[in-house]
């Protein structure tokens, strides 16, 4: 009886160790998958300048909603807003994380020479990006904007081959 108990305990320990090993392998696979998605997101962000359409989140009765455009440029580590650069904000480092659904979320904070802050956050999913720009000046009230854009699809031209002409 003791012998069967020892065999049962040994098998139980082996199965537990196998489950732990399997769980570690799954976790490593998930980390590798998310790292690959992060690399792809960085490549997508840096592949072009992003023309984004910016609208205020809050509109007073006196205001007519006005859509503006901005251009966001990314390197592997920094983001620059053309409109904010014109207002004295320097490019800044951004953080990038991948959510479980594959959405790449980037965030940054930029400061101008007056100490005014601009917080930018974008969600990149596929070829679409949406986000928020929050302007927080030292003096005055905070203004929040949303932006959106779609990366243009590049369609390769079709090549038509000509048939060789017959010689007479």
C-alpha atoms as a PDB file:
ATOM      1  CA  UNK A   1       0.000   0.000   0.000  1.00  0.00           C
ATOM      2  CA  UNK A   2       2.826   2.347   0.860  1.00  0.00           C
ATOM      3  CA  UNK A   3       4.424   1.604  -2.462  1.00  0.00           C
ATOM      4  CA  UNK A   4       1.284   2.711  -4.367  1.00  0.00           C
ATOM      5  CA  UNK A   5       1.056   5.840  -2.243  1.00  0.00           C
ATOM      6  CA  UNK A   6       4.665   6.728  -3.064  1.00  0.00           C
ATOM      7  CA  UNK A   7       4.046   6.128  -6.754  1.00  0.00           C
ATOM      8  CA  UNK A   8       0.904   8.289  -6.620  1.00  0.00           C
ATOM      9  CA  UNK A   9       2.711  11.125  -4.830  1.00  0.00           C
ATOM     10  CA  UNK A  10       5.627  10.932  -7.279  1.00  0.00           C
ATOM     11  CA  UNK A  11       3.277  11.082 -10.263  1.00  0.00           C
ATOM     12  CA  UNK A  12       1.437  14.011  -8.668  1.00  0.00           C
ATOM     13  CA  UNK A  13       4.689  15.925  -8.196  1.00  0.00           C
ATOM     14  CA  UNK A  14       5.735  15.215 -11.795  1.00  0.00           C
ATOM     15  CA  UNK A  15       2.365  16.415 -13.122  1.00  0.00           C
ATOM     16  CA  UNK A  16       2.581  19.607 -11.043  1.00  0.00           C
ATOM     17  CA  UNK A  17       6.078  20.306 -12.356  1.00  0.00           C
ATOM     18  CA  UNK A  18       4.888  19.721 -15.926  1.00  0.00           C
ATOM     19  CA  UNK A  19       2.004  22.163 -15.413  1.00  0.00           C
ATOM     20  CA  UNK A  20       4.350  24.798 -13.999  1.00  0.00           C
ATOM     21  CA  UNK A  21       6.714  24.312 -16.931  1.00  0.00           C
ATOM     22  CA  UNK A  22       3.798  24.542 -19.399  1.00  0.00           C
ATOM     23  CA  UNK A  23       2.520  27.737 -17.725  1.00  0.00           C
ATOM     24  CA  UNK A  24       5.995  29.295 -17.925  1.00  0.00           C
ATOM     25  CA  UNK A  25       6.236  28.358 -21.598  1.00  0.00           C
ATOM     26  CA  UNK A  26       2.834  29.932 -22.268  1.00  0.00           C
ATOM     27  CA  UNK A  27       3.865  33.127 -20.438  1.00  0.00           C
ATOM     28  CA  UNK A  28       7.107  33.295 -22.422  1.00  0.00           C
ATOM     29  CA  UNK A  29       5.186  32.791 -25.671  1.00  0.00           C
ATOM     30  CA  UNK A  30       2.754  35.575 -24.734  1.00  0.00           C
ATOM     31  CA  UNK A  31       5.640  37.938 -23.920  1.00  0.00           C
ATOM     32  CA  UNK A  32       7.310  37.141 -27.246  1.00  0.00           C
ATOM     33  CA  UNK A  33       4.024  37.691 -29.095  1.00  0.00           C
ATOM     34  CA  UNK A  34       3.444  41.073 -27.389  1.00  0.00           C
ATOM     35  CA  UNK A  35       7.072  42.087 -28.090  1.00  0.00           C
ATOM     36  CA  UNK A  36       6.501  41.284 -31.772  1.00  0.00           C
ATOM     37  CA  UNK A  37       3.314  43.398 -31.776  1.00  0.00           C
ATOM     38  CA  UNK A  38       5.227  46.250 -30.132  1.00  0.00           C
ATOM     39  CA  UNK A  39       7.938  46.093 -32.795  1.00  0.00           C
ATOM     40  CA  UNK A  40       5.314  46.089 -35.546  1.00  0.00           C
ATOM     41  CA  UNK A  41       3.548  49.083 -33.936  1.00  0.00           C
ATOM     42  CA  UNK A  42       6.819  51.049 -33.777  1.00  0.00           C
ATOM     43  CA  UNK A  43       7.447  50.266 -37.444  1.00  0.00           C
ATOM     44  CA  UNK A  44       3.929  51.402 -38.346  1.00  0.00           C
ATOM     45  CA  UNK A  45       4.278  54.628 -36.345  1.00  0.00           C
ATOM     46  CA  UNK A  46       7.664  55.501 -37.874  1.00  0.00           C
ATOM     47  CA  UNK A  47       6.699  54.506 -41.420  1.00  0.00           C
ATOM     48  CA  UNK A  48       5.212  57.909 -42.239  1.00  0.00           C
ATOM     49  CA  UNK A  49       4.109  61.272 -40.941  1.00  0.00           C
ATOM     50  CA  UNK A  50       0.553  61.004 -39.593  1.00  0.00           C
ATOM     51  CA  UNK A  51      -1.876  63.729 -40.613  1.00  0.00           C
ATOM     52  CA  UNK A  52      -4.416  63.796 -37.794  1.00  0.00           C
ATOM     53  CA  UNK A  53      -7.752  65.601 -37.581  1.00  0.00           C
ATOM     54  CA  UNK A  54      -8.169  67.429 -34.275  1.00  0.00           C
ATOM     55  CA  UNK A  55     -11.478  68.568 -32.737  1.00  0.00           C
ATOM     56  CA  UNK A  56     -12.199  70.111 -29.318  1.00  0.00           C
ATOM     57  CA  UNK A  57     -13.915  67.797 -26.840  1.00  0.00           C
ATOM     58  CA  UNK A  58     -15.968  70.573 -25.270  1.00  0.00           C
ATOM     59  CA  UNK A  59     -17.706  73.117 -27.449  1.00  0.00           C
ATOM     60  CA  UNK A  60     -19.455  76.123 -25.956  1.00  0.00           C
ATOM     61  CA  UNK A  61     -22.635  77.557 -27.440  1.00  0.00           C
ATOM     62  CA  UNK A  62     -20.638  80.503 -28.781  1.00  0.00           C
ATOM     63  CA  UNK A  63     -18.197  78.311 -30.676  1.00  0.00           C
ATOM     64  CA  UNK A  64     -18.644  76.600 -33.975  1.00  0.00           C
ATOM     65  CA  UNK A  65     -16.884  73.218 -33.977  1.00  0.00           C
ATOM     66  CA  UNK A  66     -13.668  73.662 -35.922  1.00  0.00           C
ATOM     67  CA  UNK A  67     -11.601  70.762 -37.156  1.00  0.00           C
ATOM     68  CA  UNK A  68      -7.887  71.391 -37.457  1.00  0.00           C
ATOM     69  CA  UNK A  69      -5.147  69.233 -38.860  1.00  0.00           C
ATOM     70  CA  UNK A  70      -1.824  68.402 -37.267  1.00  0.00           C
ATOM     71  CA  UNK A  71       1.077  66.214 -38.312  1.00  0.00           C
ATOM     72  CA  UNK A  72       2.590  63.702 -35.884  1.00  0.00           C
ATOM     73  CA  UNK A  73       6.078  62.347 -36.605  1.00  0.00           C
ATOM     74  CA  UNK A  74       7.547  59.382 -34.760  1.00  0.00           C
ATOM     75  CA  UNK A  75      11.029  57.942 -34.381  1.00  0.00           C
ATOM     76  CA  UNK A  76      11.707  54.769 -32.411  1.00  0.00           C
ATOM     77  CA  UNK A  77      11.690  56.782 -29.182  1.00  0.00           C
ATOM     78  CA  UNK A  78      10.310  60.294 -29.827  1.00  0.00           C
ATOM     79  CA  UNK A  79       7.143  61.942 -31.105  1.00  0.00           C
ATOM     80  CA  UNK A  80       6.742  65.453 -32.517  1.00  0.00           C
ATOM     81  CA  UNK A  81       3.570  67.420 -33.176  1.00  0.00           C
ATOM     82  CA  UNK A  82       3.927  70.017 -35.913  1.00  0.00           C
ATOM     83  CA  UNK A  83       1.326  72.342 -34.333  1.00  0.00           C
ATOM     84  CA  UNK A  84       2.794  72.044 -30.859  1.00  0.00           C
ATOM     85  CA  UNK A  85       6.340  72.592 -32.181  1.00  0.00           C
ATOM     86  CA  UNK A  86       5.176  75.884 -33.691  1.00  0.00           C
ATOM     87  CA  UNK A  87       3.971  76.867 -30.194  1.00  0.00           C
ATOM     88  CA  UNK A  88       7.310  76.104 -28.515  1.00  0.00           C
ATOM     89  CA  UNK A  89       6.783  72.487 -27.437  1.00  0.00           C
ATOM     90  CA  UNK A  90       9.767  70.220 -28.061  1.00  0.00           C
ATOM     91  CA  UNK A  91       9.530  66.641 -29.272  1.00  0.00           C
ATOM     92  CA  UNK A  92       9.502  64.144 -26.423  1.00  0.00           C
ATOM     93  CA  UNK A  93      10.019  60.485 -25.591  1.00  0.00           C
ATOM     94  CA  UNK A  94       6.901  58.354 -25.726  1.00  0.00           C
ATOM     95  CA  UNK A  95       6.007  55.130 -24.007  1.00  0.00           C
ATOM     96  CA  UNK A  96       4.379  52.309 -25.937  1.00  0.00           C
ATOM     97  CA  UNK A  97       2.471  49.331 -24.593  1.00  0.00           C
ATOM     98  CA  UNK A  98       0.371  46.651 -26.221  1.00  0.00           C
ATOM     99  CA  UNK A  99      -3.040  45.790 -24.819  1.00  0.00           C
ATOM    100  CA  UNK A 100      -4.410  42.248 -24.835  1.00  0.00           C
ATOM    101  CA  UNK A 101      -6.553  42.991 -27.914  1.00  0.00           C
ATOM    102  CA  UNK A 102      -3.454  44.072 -29.895  1.00  0.00           C
ATOM    103  CA  UNK A 103      -4.060  47.827 -29.639  1.00  0.00           C
ATOM    104  CA  UNK A 104      -0.813  49.803 -29.355  1.00  0.00           C
ATOM    105  CA  UNK A 105      -1.140  52.650 -26.842  1.00  0.00           C
ATOM    106  CA  UNK A 106       1.456  55.444 -26.900  1.00  0.00           C
ATOM    107  CA  UNK A 107       1.700  58.347 -24.442  1.00  0.00           C
ATOM    108  CA  UNK A 108       3.886  61.394 -23.949  1.00  0.00           C
ATOM    109  CA  UNK A 109       4.073  64.746 -22.197  1.00  0.00           C
ATOM    110  CA  UNK A 110       5.557  67.839 -23.808  1.00  0.00           C
ATOM    111  CA  UNK A 111       6.565  71.127 -22.177  1.00  0.00           C
ATOM    112  CA  UNK A 112       7.132  74.550 -23.712  1.00  0.00           C
ATOM    113  CA  UNK A 113       9.443  77.338 -22.493  1.00  0.00           C
ATOM    114  CA  UNK A 114       6.609  78.822 -20.351  1.00  0.00           C
ATOM    115  CA  UNK A 115       6.129  75.573 -18.453  1.00  0.00           C
ATOM    116  CA  UNK A 116       2.812  74.830 -20.187  1.00  0.00           C
ATOM    117  CA  UNK A 117       2.092  71.108 -20.531  1.00  0.00           C
ATOM    118  CA  UNK A 118       0.632  69.076 -23.352  1.00  0.00           C
ATOM    119  CA  UNK A 119      -0.328  65.440 -22.785  1.00  0.00           C
ATOM    120  CA  UNK A 120      -0.785  63.250 -25.864  1.00  0.00           C
ATOM    121  CA  UNK A 121      -2.163  59.721 -25.932  1.00  0.00           C
ATOM    122  CA  UNK A 122      -2.913  57.645 -28.998  1.00  0.00           C
ATOM    123  CA  UNK A 123      -4.404  54.230 -29.703  1.00  0.00           C
ATOM    124  CA  UNK A 124      -3.161  52.508 -32.857  1.00  0.00           C
ATOM    125  CA  UNK A 125      -5.170  49.529 -34.025  1.00  0.00           C
ATOM    126  CA  UNK A 126      -4.511  48.225 -37.489  1.00  0.00           C
ATOM    127  CA  UNK A 127      -4.109  51.299 -39.657  1.00  0.00           C
ATOM    128  CA  UNK A 128      -6.338  53.577 -37.565  1.00  0.00           C
ATOM    129  CA  UNK A 129      -5.237  55.930 -34.804  1.00  0.00           C
ATOM    130  CA  UNK A 130      -7.400  57.834 -32.323  1.00  0.00           C
ATOM    131  CA  UNK A 131      -6.319  59.836 -29.340  1.00  0.00           C
ATOM    132  CA  UNK A 132      -6.488  62.765 -26.962  1.00  0.00           C
ATOM    133  CA  UNK A 133      -4.440  65.952 -26.645  1.00  0.00           C
ATOM    134  CA  UNK A 134      -4.786  67.723 -23.305  1.00  0.00           C
ATOM    135  CA  UNK A 135      -3.405  71.272 -23.170  1.00  0.00           C
ATOM    136  CA  UNK A 136      -2.698  72.381 -19.598  1.00  0.00           C
ATOM    137  CA  UNK A 137      -1.278  75.930 -19.512  1.00  0.00           C
ATOM    138  CA  UNK A 138       0.254  77.492 -16.389  1.00  0.00           C
ATOM    139  CA  UNK A 139      -2.304  80.285 -16.715  1.00  0.00           C
ATOM    140  CA  UNK A 140      -5.786  79.680 -18.025  1.00  0.00           C
ATOM    141  CA  UNK A 141      -7.992  76.643 -18.213  1.00  0.00           C
ATOM    142  CA  UNK A 142      -7.308  73.177 -19.556  1.00  0.00           C
ATOM    143  CA  UNK A 143      -8.472  72.353 -23.087  1.00  0.00           C
ATOM    144  CA  UNK A 144      -8.911  68.801 -24.355  1.00  0.00           C
ATOM    145  CA  UNK A 145      -9.030  67.671 -27.962  1.00  0.00           C
ATOM    146  CA  UNK A 146      -9.583  64.365 -29.675  1.00  0.00           C
ATOM    147  CA  UNK A 147      -7.860  63.325 -32.875  1.00  0.00           C
ATOM    148  CA  UNK A 148      -8.271  60.594 -35.428  1.00  0.00           C
ATOM    149  CA  UNK A 149      -6.685  59.436 -38.633  1.00  0.00           C
ATOM    150  CA  UNK A 150      -6.323  56.478 -40.940  1.00  0.00           C
ATOM    151  CA  UNK A 151      -3.033  55.453 -42.484  1.00  0.00           C
ATOM    152  CA  UNK A 152      -3.403  55.620 -46.255  1.00  0.00           C
ATOM    153  CA  UNK A 153      -3.281  52.327 -48.057  1.00  0.00           C
ATOM    154  CA  UNK A 154      -0.563  52.286 -50.691  1.00  0.00           C
ATOM    155  CA  UNK A 155      -1.743  50.450 -53.759  1.00  0.00           C
ATOM    156  CA  UNK A 156       0.985  49.237 -56.044  1.00  0.00           C
ATOM    157  CA  UNK A 157       0.444  50.095 -59.693  1.00  0.00           C
ATOM    158  CA  UNK A 158      -0.409  47.188 -61.918  1.00  0.00           C
ATOM    159  CA  UNK A 159       2.048  46.391 -64.645  1.00  0.00           C
ATOM    160  CA  UNK A 160       0.667  45.409 -68.010  1.00  0.00           C
ATOM    161  CA  UNK A 161       3.028  43.459 -70.186  1.00  0.00           C
ATOM    162  CA  UNK A 162       2.938  44.163 -73.871  1.00  0.00           C
ATOM    163  CA  UNK A 163       2.979  41.281 -76.282  1.00  0.00           C
ATOM    164  CA  UNK A 164       5.980  41.289 -78.583  1.00  0.00           C
ATOM    165  CA  UNK A 165       5.165  42.680 -82.006  1.00  0.00           C
ATOM    166  CA  UNK A 166       5.515  40.288 -84.910  1.00  0.00           C
ATOM    167  CA  UNK A 167       8.077  41.158 -87.520  1.00  0.00           C
ATOM    168  CA  UNK A 168       7.064  41.044 -91.130  1.00  0.00           C
END
